[in-house]
Structures are given as C-alpha cells and as structure tokens.
Amino acid sequence: MGINLRGKHFLTLLDFTPQEIRYLLDLSKDFKAMKRSGTPHKYLEGKNIVLLFEKTSTRTRCSFEVAGMDLGMGVTYLDPGSSQMGKKESIADTARVLGRLYDGIEYRGYSQDLVKELADFAGVPVWNGLTDQFHPTQMLADLLTIEEKFGTLKGINFTYAGDARNNLGNSLMVACAKMGLNFTACSPKELFPADDLVAKAKKIAEETGATITLTDDVKKGTTGADVIYTDIWVSMGEPESVWETRIKLLKPYQVNSQMMANAKDTAIFMHCLPSFHDTKTTVGADIAKKFGITEMETTDEVFESKQSVVFDEAENRLHTIKAVIYATLK
C-alpha cells in the first residue's frame, strides 16, 4: 500500500515514520528534476495557501511562495502586522477563519504550542516553517542534501556543533534518528538537548540502527564525521544580552579548519543560514566591535570551502517544501 499524507499536518518529524519521510524525499527529487528541466507541474491549480510569519525569513518565505506558484496555487503572505492573530483574535478563531478561506496554512514563529493550536482548529493542513522547538522543513532539505552528496543516509556520521538545545539541534537529532544517521551533539553540557527529547530520539534510533551521542569534547565529537553542521549562536528573538555569555560558551565549538580536519577527508560542512562567517552584516559588524570576534559559528575559510554545501541546502528548501505541500494537499 502506498504512502498517503493527504490532509496531514507537518509540525515535527516525530509525527512521521521513516517510510513517510523517505516518500517526501523521493518526491522532492522528482520536483527538483522537473524544476531544473523546466517541466511544468501546476498540479494544485485552483488551491490557495496562506503564510503566517511572526519571524522574518528569506529561505522559508521564498521557498513557500515559489513552491506554491510552481504548483499553480494562490499564495498570501501575512507578516506580524498584517493580521490580528493573538492580539484582537484568538489563535483558534484565526485558524477557523483561515481554514475556510485557504487549503493550507504555513506558520513561522515562536511557539510550538501555537502551531499545534492552529492545526487543531484549522481543518486544513498546517505546516511548521519554524518554531523555537522544531524546524522540520529544514530537516528535509538537509537530508536531501546529504543523500545527494553521499548516495545514502543510513550510517552517515553526523555532528552538530553549537547550541544543541535549539530548534536545529532538536530537529537534527530527531531527523537523524528517524533515518538511521549516527547523530552527535558536540556542545557545552549546559546546551545539550532536553533529556525527554533525547530519550525519544534514542528509542527511535534503536529501531533504525542509528546512535545518539552527546559530548562536550570537540575532538571526540568531530573525529570521523561525514557531516559537520552548525547554526548561529543566538537565535532570533533572544535578547542581545546573551551574546557575551554565548560567545564564551561556544567559541571552542566554532567550525574551523582544525575541526574539519578531525572529520573525514570527504566530510561536508552544513549550515541552515544565515551565517555570521564575516563582518559583512550589521549584526556581524556590531559583534566584532563589541567583542572583537570577526567570525562566529564558522570561519569564512570553511564557509567558502569546497566542503561547504550551504547553498545546495538553501536550494533544496524549495524542492522539499514543494513536496510537503503537494503530498498533504493532492
């Protein structure tokens, strides 16, 4: 019997089986091939989706908008000032209104509970474009990129270096467990993922043959890695006051040439973007002025190296998001 995800919400990969994730990855490959060959695929013509953004974005917004238009749909974008959600109108009421007007709803913001409430009341598929706890659309793009580079997912040694208890650390641990990659969180102990999520991931890993490792030892955590992945040290919405503490904690976990040398010769470097690898951003310049650090979670050398696949990841957001939309609305 084939995989059928019609009407299913996409809130976290915890809700999906490895077989369902495999279906979405294979579908993504098909859409990528069609996009690159210029083959029209307006399979959802006549449908409409709405994008709710409490956190701004480049890749998530553009990927959802282009995916929707490629599939023949109408797309409405609402920024924080363009709706009354949570202010003059409850989340439940907003969901019930939008669910009558649109065929699908994307949410990118802060609370996982909020996107779940939208899903509970909308009556149409709801897709998580990022919350403080999970970032599932990024995970599909990352998995697709790894498979493109290595030809497989199972048995890949994957190291995430940095703040391992943020949405990326959480989501990557789950994604690796689901698809049989050996996941290592290389992080200060105070930034390890939550114990309950680690327990869930280890239980999943037992079924898929993966391993879950937490270590604060950089050498141990990166030796023999096929993939080294990192993210910015201070997430959107966190106060500026945490920068000093976070820099002190995470400077030893910066992805640099020495760390990449610990990995395999064939290892790749991954980052969900944006990245502070230089001072060509206002934030990067400000941090350099305040703290004297010109490169943060990764060096410019690594970011611009042949091992870096960050722009492949960015492109794959489009193809994987398109797969999620199509699979849940077809």
Protein backbone atom coordinates (compact mmCIF):
# COMPACT_ATOMS: atom_id res chain seq x y z
CA MET A 1 0.00 0.00 0.00
CA GLY A 2 1.36 3.43 -0.98
CA ILE A 3 2.06 6.37 1.31
CA ASN A 4 -0.87 8.79 1.68
CA LEU A 5 -0.25 12.05 3.54
CA ARG A 6 -3.29 13.94 2.24
CA GLY A 7 -4.69 16.18 4.98
CA LYS A 8 -1.80 15.51 7.39
CA HIS A 9 -0.20 18.36 9.33
CA PHE A 10 3.58 18.87 9.12
CA LEU A 11 4.59 20.06 12.60
CA THR A 12 7.57 17.89 13.57
CA LEU A 13 9.29 14.82 12.12
CA LEU A 14 8.36 13.00 15.33
CA ASP A 15 4.91 12.63 13.71
CA PHE A 16 6.28 10.86 10.61
CA THR A 17 7.57 7.35 10.03
CA PRO A 18 10.87 6.75 8.24
CA GLN A 19 8.84 5.43 5.30
CA GLU A 20 6.82 8.66 5.11
CA ILE A 21 9.98 10.77 5.29
CA ARG A 22 11.50 8.62 2.53
CA TYR A 23 8.40 9.25 0.40
CA LEU A 24 8.77 13.02 0.88
CA LEU A 25 12.48 12.90 -0.01
CA ASP A 26 11.82 10.90 -3.17
CA LEU A 27 9.01 13.27 -4.12
CA SER A 28 11.42 16.18 -3.56
CA LYS A 29 13.86 14.62 -6.01
CA ASP A 30 11.11 14.37 -8.62
CA PHE A 31 10.13 18.01 -8.16
CA LYS A 32 13.78 19.09 -8.32
CA ALA A 33 14.22 17.27 -11.61
CA MET A 34 11.07 18.89 -13.01
CA LYS A 35 12.16 22.35 -11.87
CA ARG A 36 15.60 22.02 -13.42
CA SER A 37 14.27 20.64 -16.71
CA GLY A 38 11.61 23.35 -16.95
CA THR A 39 8.78 20.81 -16.83
CA PRO A 40 5.51 22.49 -15.71
CA HIS A 41 3.91 20.95 -12.62
CA LYS A 42 0.88 23.04 -11.71
CA TYR A 43 -0.73 20.07 -10.02
CA LEU A 44 -2.60 22.11 -7.40
CA GLU A 45 -4.11 24.77 -9.64
CA GLY A 46 -7.13 26.42 -8.04
CA LYS A 47 -5.93 25.91 -4.47
CA ASN A 48 -4.75 28.71 -2.15
CA ILE A 49 -2.38 28.83 0.82
CA VAL A 50 -1.57 31.46 3.45
CA LEU A 51 1.81 32.06 5.07
CA LEU A 52 1.79 33.40 8.65
CA PHE A 53 5.16 34.86 9.65
CA GLU A 54 5.85 36.08 13.19
CA LYS A 55 9.59 35.61 12.49
CA THR A 56 11.03 37.04 9.30
CA SER A 57 12.78 34.81 6.81
CA THR A 58 14.44 34.69 3.41
CA ARG A 59 14.62 30.97 2.54
CA THR A 60 11.37 29.82 4.19
CA ARG A 61 9.22 32.58 2.75
CA CYS A 62 10.69 32.44 -0.74
CA SER A 63 10.58 28.64 -0.82
CA PHE A 64 6.91 28.51 0.17
CA GLU A 65 5.97 31.29 -2.25
CA VAL A 66 7.83 29.81 -5.24
CA ALA A 67 6.64 26.29 -4.38
CA GLY A 68 3.04 27.47 -4.26
CA MET A 69 3.30 29.37 -7.54
CA ASP A 70 5.09 26.47 -9.28
CA LEU A 71 2.23 24.21 -8.19
CA GLY A 72 -0.30 26.68 -9.61
CA MET A 73 -1.65 27.97 -6.31
CA GLY A 74 -2.53 31.39 -4.99
CA VAL A 75 -0.25 32.49 -2.12
CA THR A 76 -0.99 35.10 0.58
CA TYR A 77 1.78 36.34 2.88
CA LEU A 78 0.89 37.84 6.28
CA ASP A 79 3.61 39.46 8.39
CA PRO A 80 3.17 40.19 12.13
CA GLY A 81 1.43 43.50 11.43
CA SER A 82 -0.96 42.13 8.82
CA SER A 83 -3.27 40.00 10.95
CA GLN A 84 -4.97 40.14 14.34
CA MET A 85 -3.81 36.63 15.32
CA GLY A 86 -3.20 36.51 19.06
CA LYS A 87 -3.97 40.22 19.50
CA LYS A 88 -7.61 41.01 18.75
CA GLU A 89 -8.43 37.49 17.67
CA SER A 90 -7.57 34.21 19.35
CA ILE A 91 -5.39 31.59 17.64
CA ALA A 92 -8.36 29.20 17.49
CA ASP A 93 -10.63 31.79 15.85
CA THR A 94 -7.93 32.81 13.38
CA ALA A 95 -7.38 29.16 12.46
CA ARG A 96 -11.09 28.58 11.87
CA VAL A 97 -11.38 31.64 9.65
CA LEU A 98 -8.28 30.91 7.58
CA GLY A 99 -9.23 27.24 7.28
CA ARG A 100 -12.43 28.28 5.50
CA LEU A 101 -10.57 30.56 3.09
CA TYR A 102 -7.43 28.57 2.35
CA ASP A 103 -6.46 24.99 1.56
CA GLY A 104 -3.31 25.08 3.69
CA ILE A 105 -1.62 27.26 6.33
CA GLU A 106 2.10 27.77 6.98
CA TYR A 107 3.25 29.22 10.31
CA ARG A 108 6.72 30.51 11.22
CA GLY A 109 7.17 31.96 14.67
CA TYR A 110 7.94 31.17 18.27
CA SER A 111 5.66 28.68 19.94
CA GLN A 112 5.28 25.01 19.02
CA ASP A 113 2.07 25.08 21.07
CA LEU A 114 0.75 27.85 18.82
CA VAL A 115 1.34 25.96 15.57
CA LYS A 116 -0.28 22.91 17.17
CA GLU A 117 -3.31 25.00 18.15
CA LEU A 118 -3.58 26.25 14.59
CA ALA A 119 -3.55 22.63 13.43
CA ASP A 120 -6.16 21.62 15.99
CA PHE A 121 -8.68 24.19 14.74
CA ALA A 122 -7.88 24.94 11.08
CA GLY A 123 -9.48 21.94 9.40
CA VAL A 124 -6.79 22.09 6.69
CA PRO A 125 -3.11 21.04 6.68
CA VAL A 126 -0.82 23.27 8.77
CA TRP A 127 2.93 23.34 8.04
CA ASN A 128 5.58 24.37 10.56
CA GLY A 129 8.02 26.79 8.91
CA LEU A 130 9.96 27.11 12.20
CA THR A 131 9.23 27.38 15.91
CA ASP A 132 11.54 27.69 18.91
CA GLN A 133 11.42 23.91 19.29
CA PHE A 134 11.40 22.40 15.78
CA HIS A 135 12.25 23.24 12.15
CA PRO A 136 11.00 20.25 10.12
CA THR A 137 11.08 21.74 6.61
CA GLN A 138 14.79 22.49 7.06
CA MET A 139 15.32 18.86 8.03
CA LEU A 140 14.00 17.53 4.74
CA ALA A 141 16.30 19.89 2.83
CA ASP A 142 19.26 18.76 4.94
CA LEU A 143 18.50 15.07 4.49
CA LEU A 144 18.10 15.52 0.74
CA THR A 145 21.42 17.37 0.54
CA ILE A 146 23.27 14.67 2.50
CA GLU A 147 21.82 11.93 0.32
CA GLU A 148 22.80 13.82 -2.83
CA LYS A 149 26.40 14.08 -1.60
CA PHE A 150 26.87 10.56 -0.22
CA GLY A 151 24.26 8.48 -2.03
CA THR A 152 22.85 7.26 1.28
CA LEU A 153 21.62 8.38 4.71
CA LYS A 154 21.92 5.23 6.79
CA GLY A 155 25.20 5.01 8.70
CA ILE A 156 26.34 8.57 7.99
CA ASN A 157 28.22 10.08 10.95
CA PHE A 158 26.57 13.44 11.61
CA THR A 159 27.93 16.01 14.08
CA TYR A 160 26.07 19.14 15.13
CA ALA A 161 28.42 21.66 16.76
CA GLY A 162 26.97 24.52 18.80
CA ASP A 163 23.79 25.17 20.77
CA ALA A 164 22.30 21.68 20.66
CA ARG A 165 19.10 22.53 22.55
CA ASN A 166 17.74 24.99 19.97
CA ASN A 167 15.25 24.14 17.19
CA LEU A 168 18.03 22.98 14.85
CA GLY A 169 19.70 20.76 17.45
CA ASN A 170 16.37 19.22 18.42
CA SER A 171 15.22 18.68 14.86
CA LEU A 172 18.50 17.29 13.54
CA MET A 173 18.67 14.75 16.37
CA VAL A 174 15.16 13.54 15.52
CA ALA A 175 15.80 13.53 11.76
CA CYS A 176 18.99 11.51 12.15
CA ALA A 177 17.32 9.04 14.49
CA LYS A 178 14.41 8.56 12.07
CA MET A 179 16.60 7.96 9.02
CA GLY A 180 19.44 5.96 10.53
CA LEU A 181 22.23 8.54 10.75
CA ASN A 182 24.59 8.47 13.74
CA PHE A 183 23.95 11.79 15.49
CA THR A 184 26.44 13.54 17.76
CA ALA A 185 25.68 16.77 19.61
CA CYS A 186 29.05 18.45 20.21
CA SER A 187 28.20 21.18 22.67
CA PRO A 188 28.75 22.56 26.16
CA LYS A 189 26.84 20.40 28.62
CA GLU A 190 24.52 23.27 29.56
CA LEU A 191 23.44 23.45 25.91
CA PHE A 192 22.65 19.75 25.47
CA PRO A 193 19.14 18.87 24.19
CA ALA A 194 16.41 18.27 26.77
CA ASP A 195 16.52 14.85 28.43
CA ASP A 196 12.99 13.87 27.38
CA LEU A 197 13.69 14.55 23.70
CA VAL A 198 16.99 12.68 23.89
CA ALA A 199 15.13 9.69 25.33
CA LYS A 200 12.62 9.79 22.46
CA ALA A 201 15.40 10.04 19.89
CA LYS A 202 17.31 7.12 21.41
CA LYS A 203 14.19 4.97 21.34
CA ILE A 204 13.68 5.78 17.66
CA ALA A 205 17.38 5.18 16.96
CA GLU A 206 17.14 1.67 18.42
CA GLU A 207 14.62 0.83 15.70
CA THR A 208 16.58 2.36 12.80
CA GLY A 209 20.10 1.33 13.76
CA ALA A 210 21.23 4.89 14.49
CA THR A 211 23.16 6.14 17.51
CA ILE A 212 22.70 9.27 19.63
CA THR A 213 25.77 10.74 21.34
CA LEU A 214 26.13 13.88 23.46
CA THR A 215 29.63 15.18 24.18
CA ASP A 216 31.34 18.40 25.17
CA ASP A 217 34.67 17.07 23.82
CA VAL A 218 35.32 18.70 20.43
CA LYS A 219 37.92 16.16 19.32
CA LYS A 220 35.74 13.20 20.25
CA GLY A 221 32.62 14.76 18.77
CA THR A 222 34.09 15.57 15.36
CA THR A 223 36.60 12.78 14.67
CA GLY A 224 35.43 10.62 11.78
CA ALA A 225 32.41 12.79 10.96
CA ASP A 226 30.89 12.71 7.48
CA VAL A 227 28.90 15.88 8.16
CA ILE A 228 29.67 18.82 10.42
CA TYR A 229 26.70 21.14 10.87
CA THR A 230 26.36 24.37 12.82
CA ASP A 231 23.96 27.26 13.37
CA ILE A 232 24.12 30.84 14.65
CA TRP A 233 24.90 31.18 18.35
CA VAL A 234 21.99 33.45 19.28
CA SER A 235 18.59 32.66 17.77
CA MET A 236 16.04 35.16 16.51
CA GLY A 237 14.02 36.53 19.41
CA GLU A 238 16.71 36.04 22.05
CA PRO A 239 17.88 39.23 23.82
CA GLU A 240 21.17 40.88 22.84
CA SER A 241 22.33 40.43 26.43
CA VAL A 242 23.03 36.73 25.84
CA TRP A 243 25.71 37.34 23.19
CA GLU A 244 28.63 37.69 25.60
CA THR A 245 27.79 34.52 27.51
CA ARG A 246 27.04 32.54 24.35
CA ILE A 247 30.29 33.59 22.65
CA LYS A 248 32.33 32.44 25.66
CA LEU A 249 30.47 29.13 25.77
CA LEU A 250 30.56 28.37 22.07
CA LYS A 251 33.86 29.79 20.80
CA PRO A 252 35.56 26.38 21.33
CA TYR A 253 32.85 24.85 19.10
CA GLN A 254 33.39 27.17 16.15
CA VAL A 255 33.62 25.19 12.91
CA ASN A 256 37.10 25.99 11.61
CA SER A 257 39.78 24.24 9.57
CA GLN A 258 41.06 22.38 12.63
CA MET A 259 37.61 20.96 13.36
CA MET A 260 37.09 19.98 9.72
CA ALA A 261 40.50 18.25 9.79
CA ASN A 262 39.17 15.98 12.55
CA ALA A 263 36.42 14.81 10.19
CA LYS A 264 36.83 12.51 7.20
CA ASP A 265 38.53 13.84 4.08
CA THR A 266 35.19 13.51 2.30
CA ALA A 267 33.26 15.40 5.01
CA ILE A 268 30.87 18.23 4.13
CA PHE A 269 30.03 21.41 6.02
CA MET A 270 26.38 22.38 6.50
CA HIS A 271 24.56 25.45 7.86
CA CYS A 272 20.89 26.40 7.56
CA LEU A 273 21.76 30.09 7.02
CA PRO A 274 22.04 32.98 7.60
CA SER A 275 25.61 32.69 8.87
CA PHE A 276 27.93 35.09 10.67
CA HIS A 277 31.15 34.00 8.95
CA ASP A 278 32.39 37.56 8.39
CA THR A 279 31.54 41.16 9.28
CA LYS A 280 29.53 41.96 6.14
CA THR A 281 26.26 42.12 8.09
CA THR A 282 25.12 44.73 10.60
CA VAL A 283 24.98 42.09 13.34
CA GLY A 284 28.40 40.70 12.42
CA ALA A 285 29.95 44.18 12.40
CA ASP A 286 28.31 45.04 15.73
CA ILE A 287 29.54 41.85 17.40
CA ALA A 288 33.06 42.45 16.07
CA LYS A 289 33.02 45.95 17.53
CA LYS A 290 31.69 44.85 20.93
CA PHE A 291 33.53 41.57 21.43
CA GLY A 292 36.44 41.60 18.96
CA ILE A 293 35.30 38.43 17.16
CA THR A 294 35.06 38.70 13.36
CA GLU A 295 33.85 35.14 12.70
CA MET A 296 31.36 33.36 14.88
CA GLU A 297 29.85 29.88 14.47
CA THR A 298 32.09 29.16 11.45
CA THR A 299 35.10 30.74 9.81
CA ASP A 300 34.91 32.31 6.39
CA GLU A 301 37.50 29.80 5.22
CA VAL A 302 35.21 26.85 5.95
CA PHE A 303 32.07 28.62 4.76
CA GLU A 304 33.63 29.33 1.36
CA SER A 305 35.45 25.99 1.07
CA LYS A 306 34.73 23.17 -1.40
CA GLN A 307 33.40 21.16 1.54
CA SER A 308 30.62 23.70 2.11
CA VAL A 309 27.21 22.71 0.72
CA VAL A 310 25.21 25.51 2.34
CA PHE A 311 23.75 26.84 -0.90
CA ASP A 312 22.71 23.35 -2.01
CA GLU A 313 20.78 23.16 1.26
CA ALA A 314 19.21 26.54 0.59
CA GLU A 315 18.02 25.48 -2.88
CA ASN A 316 16.68 22.20 -1.54
CA ARG A 317 14.33 24.08 0.78
CA LEU A 318 12.24 24.81 -2.32
CA HIS A 319 12.01 21.25 -3.56
CA THR A 320 11.30 19.68 -0.17
CA ILE A 321 8.70 22.30 0.79
CA LYS A 322 7.02 21.73 -2.55
CA ALA A 323 6.89 18.02 -1.77
CA VAL A 324 5.27 18.68 1.63
CA ILE A 325 2.64 20.99 0.14
CA TYR A 326 1.79 18.59 -2.69
CA ALA A 327 1.74 15.46 -0.53
CA THR A 328 -0.64 17.00 2.01
CA LEU A 329 -2.95 18.78 -0.46
CA LYS A 330 -3.09 16.49 -3.54
